[in-house]
């Protein structure tokens, strides 16, 4: 699905201001607001900018944390799987980040895993 503020608003069921903020975070035109990031994530300095963006999006859209789907090509030094905001439903639309392609997506993780045997 194309990433637009309208698609975010309609598919994630958020208001216009929230959709605009999520859109900016996904398009990397705004910086993550560390005051929005849940305190449980702040002590971990190993997270990168993408993860902090996902943590803020998780708080904004009211999902249940950020999860990771492993990829067969993952290594100790490089992740190639998908991080996503957990809606609790594998087929509900959510915000995802594909580490291999280095891009945000708006889709369900169930659809991704069904289409490819490379995810664990």
C-alpha atoms as a PDB file:
ATOM      1  CA  UNK A   1       0.000   0.000   0.000  1.00  0.00           C
ATOM      2  CA  UNK A   2       1.265   3.450  -0.854  1.00  0.00           C
ATOM      3  CA  UNK A   3       2.356   5.511   2.154  1.00  0.00           C
ATOM      4  CA  UNK A   4       0.196   8.626   2.361  1.00  0.00           C
ATOM      5  CA  UNK A   5      -1.278  10.488   5.320  1.00  0.00           C
ATOM      6  CA  UNK A   6      -4.747   9.544   4.036  1.00  0.00           C
ATOM      7  CA  UNK A   7      -3.900   5.829   3.849  1.00  0.00           C
ATOM      8  CA  UNK A   8      -2.419   5.995   7.350  1.00  0.00           C
ATOM      9  CA  UNK A   9      -5.522   7.764   8.679  1.00  0.00           C
ATOM     10  CA  UNK A  10      -7.978   5.395   6.964  1.00  0.00           C
ATOM     11  CA  UNK A  11      -6.164   2.091   7.583  1.00  0.00           C
ATOM     12  CA  UNK A  12      -4.793   2.693  11.078  1.00  0.00           C
ATOM     13  CA  UNK A  13      -7.936   4.522  12.244  1.00  0.00           C
ATOM     14  CA  UNK A  14      -6.159   7.580  13.653  1.00  0.00           C
ATOM     15  CA  UNK A  15      -6.953  11.298  13.476  1.00  0.00           C
ATOM     16  CA  UNK A  16      -5.448  13.633  10.876  1.00  0.00           C
ATOM     17  CA  UNK A  17      -2.743  15.081  13.181  1.00  0.00           C
ATOM     18  CA  UNK A  18      -1.591  11.608  14.233  1.00  0.00           C
ATOM     19  CA  UNK A  19      -1.596  10.441  10.606  1.00  0.00           C
ATOM     20  CA  UNK A  20       0.523  13.452   9.625  1.00  0.00           C
ATOM     21  CA  UNK A  21       3.063  12.738  12.399  1.00  0.00           C
ATOM     22  CA  UNK A  22       3.252   9.025  11.502  1.00  0.00           C
ATOM     23  CA  UNK A  23       3.666   9.966   7.832  1.00  0.00           C
ATOM     24  CA  UNK A  24       6.560  12.291   8.704  1.00  0.00           C
ATOM     25  CA  UNK A  25       8.240   9.599  10.796  1.00  0.00           C
ATOM     26  CA  UNK A  26       7.863   7.026   8.017  1.00  0.00           C
ATOM     27  CA  UNK A  27       9.112   9.416   5.319  1.00  0.00           C
ATOM     28  CA  UNK A  28      11.952  10.497   7.642  1.00  0.00           C
ATOM     29  CA  UNK A  29      11.070  14.169   7.317  1.00  0.00           C
ATOM     30  CA  UNK A  30      10.648  14.602  11.097  1.00  0.00           C
ATOM     31  CA  UNK A  31      12.851  13.372  13.930  1.00  0.00           C
ATOM     32  CA  UNK A  32      11.541  10.992  16.600  1.00  0.00           C
ATOM     33  CA  UNK A  33      10.333  12.764  19.753  1.00  0.00           C
ATOM     34  CA  UNK A  34      12.114  11.011  22.617  1.00  0.00           C
ATOM     35  CA  UNK A  35       9.493  12.344  25.048  1.00  0.00           C
ATOM     36  CA  UNK A  36       6.922  10.230  23.160  1.00  0.00           C
ATOM     37  CA  UNK A  37       8.995   7.048  23.367  1.00  0.00           C
ATOM     38  CA  UNK A  38       7.956   4.795  26.212  1.00  0.00           C
ATOM     39  CA  UNK A  39      10.448   4.803  29.116  1.00  0.00           C
ATOM     40  CA  UNK A  40      10.976   1.054  28.787  1.00  0.00           C
ATOM     41  CA  UNK A  41      12.886   1.655  25.519  1.00  0.00           C
ATOM     42  CA  UNK A  42      15.071   4.594  26.585  1.00  0.00           C
ATOM     43  CA  UNK A  43      17.790   2.732  28.534  1.00  0.00           C
ATOM     44  CA  UNK A  44      18.821   0.765  25.443  1.00  0.00           C
ATOM     45  CA  UNK A  45      21.353   2.817  23.517  1.00  0.00           C
ATOM     46  CA  UNK A  46      21.872   0.113  20.899  1.00  0.00           C
ATOM     47  CA  UNK A  47      18.640   1.041  19.110  1.00  0.00           C
ATOM     48  CA  UNK A  48      18.999   2.998  15.909  1.00  0.00           C
ATOM     49  CA  UNK A  49      16.912   5.828  14.516  1.00  0.00           C
ATOM     50  CA  UNK A  50      14.533   3.429  12.734  1.00  0.00           C
ATOM     51  CA  UNK A  51      13.684   1.630  15.951  1.00  0.00           C
ATOM     52  CA  UNK A  52      13.015   4.911  17.771  1.00  0.00           C
ATOM     53  CA  UNK A  53      10.730   5.936  14.910  1.00  0.00           C
ATOM     54  CA  UNK A  54       8.847   2.661  15.293  1.00  0.00           C
ATOM     55  CA  UNK A  55       8.659   3.070  19.080  1.00  0.00           C
ATOM     56  CA  UNK A  56       7.059   6.505  18.668  1.00  0.00           C
ATOM     57  CA  UNK A  57       4.683   5.245  15.968  1.00  0.00           C
ATOM     58  CA  UNK A  58       3.705   2.396  18.321  1.00  0.00           C
ATOM     59  CA  UNK A  59       2.759   4.950  20.983  1.00  0.00           C
ATOM     60  CA  UNK A  60       0.896   7.153  18.481  1.00  0.00           C
ATOM     61  CA  UNK A  61      -1.240   4.429  16.909  1.00  0.00           C
ATOM     62  CA  UNK A  62      -1.834   2.490  20.125  1.00  0.00           C
ATOM     63  CA  UNK A  63      -0.336  -0.854  19.186  1.00  0.00           C
ATOM     64  CA  UNK A  64       1.287  -3.346  21.552  1.00  0.00           C
ATOM     65  CA  UNK A  65       5.003  -2.862  21.107  1.00  0.00           C
ATOM     66  CA  UNK A  66       7.489  -3.290  18.288  1.00  0.00           C
ATOM     67  CA  UNK A  67       8.226  -6.850  17.164  1.00  0.00           C
ATOM     68  CA  UNK A  68      10.652  -8.423  14.701  1.00  0.00           C
ATOM     69  CA  UNK A  69      10.238 -11.120  12.047  1.00  0.00           C
ATOM     70  CA  UNK A  70      13.538 -12.800  11.267  1.00  0.00           C
ATOM     71  CA  UNK A  71      14.889 -13.332   7.756  1.00  0.00           C
ATOM     72  CA  UNK A  72      16.905 -16.347   6.592  1.00  0.00           C
ATOM     73  CA  UNK A  73      19.760 -13.973   5.673  1.00  0.00           C
ATOM     74  CA  UNK A  74      19.953 -12.400   9.162  1.00  0.00           C
ATOM     75  CA  UNK A  75      23.394 -12.533  10.715  1.00  0.00           C
ATOM     76  CA  UNK A  76      24.988 -11.526  13.959  1.00  0.00           C
ATOM     77  CA  UNK A  77      26.058  -8.274  12.325  1.00  0.00           C
ATOM     78  CA  UNK A  78      23.155  -7.427  10.036  1.00  0.00           C
ATOM     79  CA  UNK A  79      19.393  -7.806  10.272  1.00  0.00           C
ATOM     80  CA  UNK A  80      17.375  -8.222   7.105  1.00  0.00           C
ATOM     81  CA  UNK A  81      13.980  -9.043   8.548  1.00  0.00           C
ATOM     82  CA  UNK A  82      11.004  -6.820   9.295  1.00  0.00           C
ATOM     83  CA  UNK A  83      10.236  -4.745  12.389  1.00  0.00           C
ATOM     84  CA  UNK A  84       6.564  -3.921  12.886  1.00  0.00           C
ATOM     85  CA  UNK A  85       4.093  -2.346  15.301  1.00  0.00           C
ATOM     86  CA  UNK A  86       2.164  -5.253  16.829  1.00  0.00           C
ATOM     87  CA  UNK A  87      -1.611  -4.862  16.410  1.00  0.00           C
ATOM     88  CA  UNK A  88      -2.338  -8.285  17.891  1.00  0.00           C
ATOM     89  CA  UNK A  89      -3.727  -9.471  14.534  1.00  0.00           C
ATOM     90  CA  UNK A  90      -1.412 -10.876  11.862  1.00  0.00           C
ATOM     91  CA  UNK A  91      -3.668  -9.551   9.076  1.00  0.00           C
ATOM     92  CA  UNK A  92      -4.427  -6.071  10.419  1.00  0.00           C
ATOM     93  CA  UNK A  93      -2.747  -3.190   8.617  1.00  0.00           C
ATOM     94  CA  UNK A  94       0.226  -1.817  10.531  1.00  0.00           C
ATOM     95  CA  UNK A  95       3.471   0.113  10.142  1.00  0.00           C
ATOM     96  CA  UNK A  96       6.442  -2.046   9.197  1.00  0.00           C
ATOM     97  CA  UNK A  97      10.088  -1.491   8.343  1.00  0.00           C
ATOM     98  CA  UNK A  98      11.896  -3.834   5.951  1.00  0.00           C
ATOM     99  CA  UNK A  99      15.552  -3.813   7.047  1.00  0.00           C
ATOM    100  CA  UNK A 100      16.750  -5.540   3.870  1.00  0.00           C
ATOM    101  CA  UNK A 101      15.139  -2.942   1.565  1.00  0.00           C
ATOM    102  CA  UNK A 102      15.551  -0.148   4.140  1.00  0.00           C
ATOM    103  CA  UNK A 103      12.009   1.143   3.694  1.00  0.00           C
ATOM    104  CA  UNK A 104       8.814   1.622   5.647  1.00  0.00           C
ATOM    105  CA  UNK A 105       5.634  -0.171   4.585  1.00  0.00           C
ATOM    106  CA  UNK A 106       1.964  -0.015   5.436  1.00  0.00           C
ATOM    107  CA  UNK A 107       0.619  -3.565   5.286  1.00  0.00           C
ATOM    108  CA  UNK A 108       0.098  -6.641   7.468  1.00  0.00           C
ATOM    109  CA  UNK A 109       2.906  -8.937   8.500  1.00  0.00           C
ATOM    110  CA  UNK A 110       0.717 -11.981   7.825  1.00  0.00           C
ATOM    111  CA  UNK A 111       0.512 -11.075   4.137  1.00  0.00           C
ATOM    112  CA  UNK A 112       4.302 -10.622   3.925  1.00  0.00           C
ATOM    113  CA  UNK A 113       5.100 -13.954   5.577  1.00  0.00           C
ATOM    114  CA  UNK A 114       2.556 -15.824   3.422  1.00  0.00           C
ATOM    115  CA  UNK A 115       4.183 -14.519   0.219  1.00  0.00           C
ATOM    116  CA  UNK A 116       7.757 -15.409   1.112  1.00  0.00           C
ATOM    117  CA  UNK A 117       9.441 -18.427   2.651  1.00  0.00           C
ATOM    118  CA  UNK A 118      12.469 -16.332   3.643  1.00  0.00           C
ATOM    119  CA  UNK A 119      10.915 -15.084   6.890  1.00  0.00           C
ATOM    120  CA  UNK A 120      11.128 -17.084  10.078  1.00  0.00           C
END
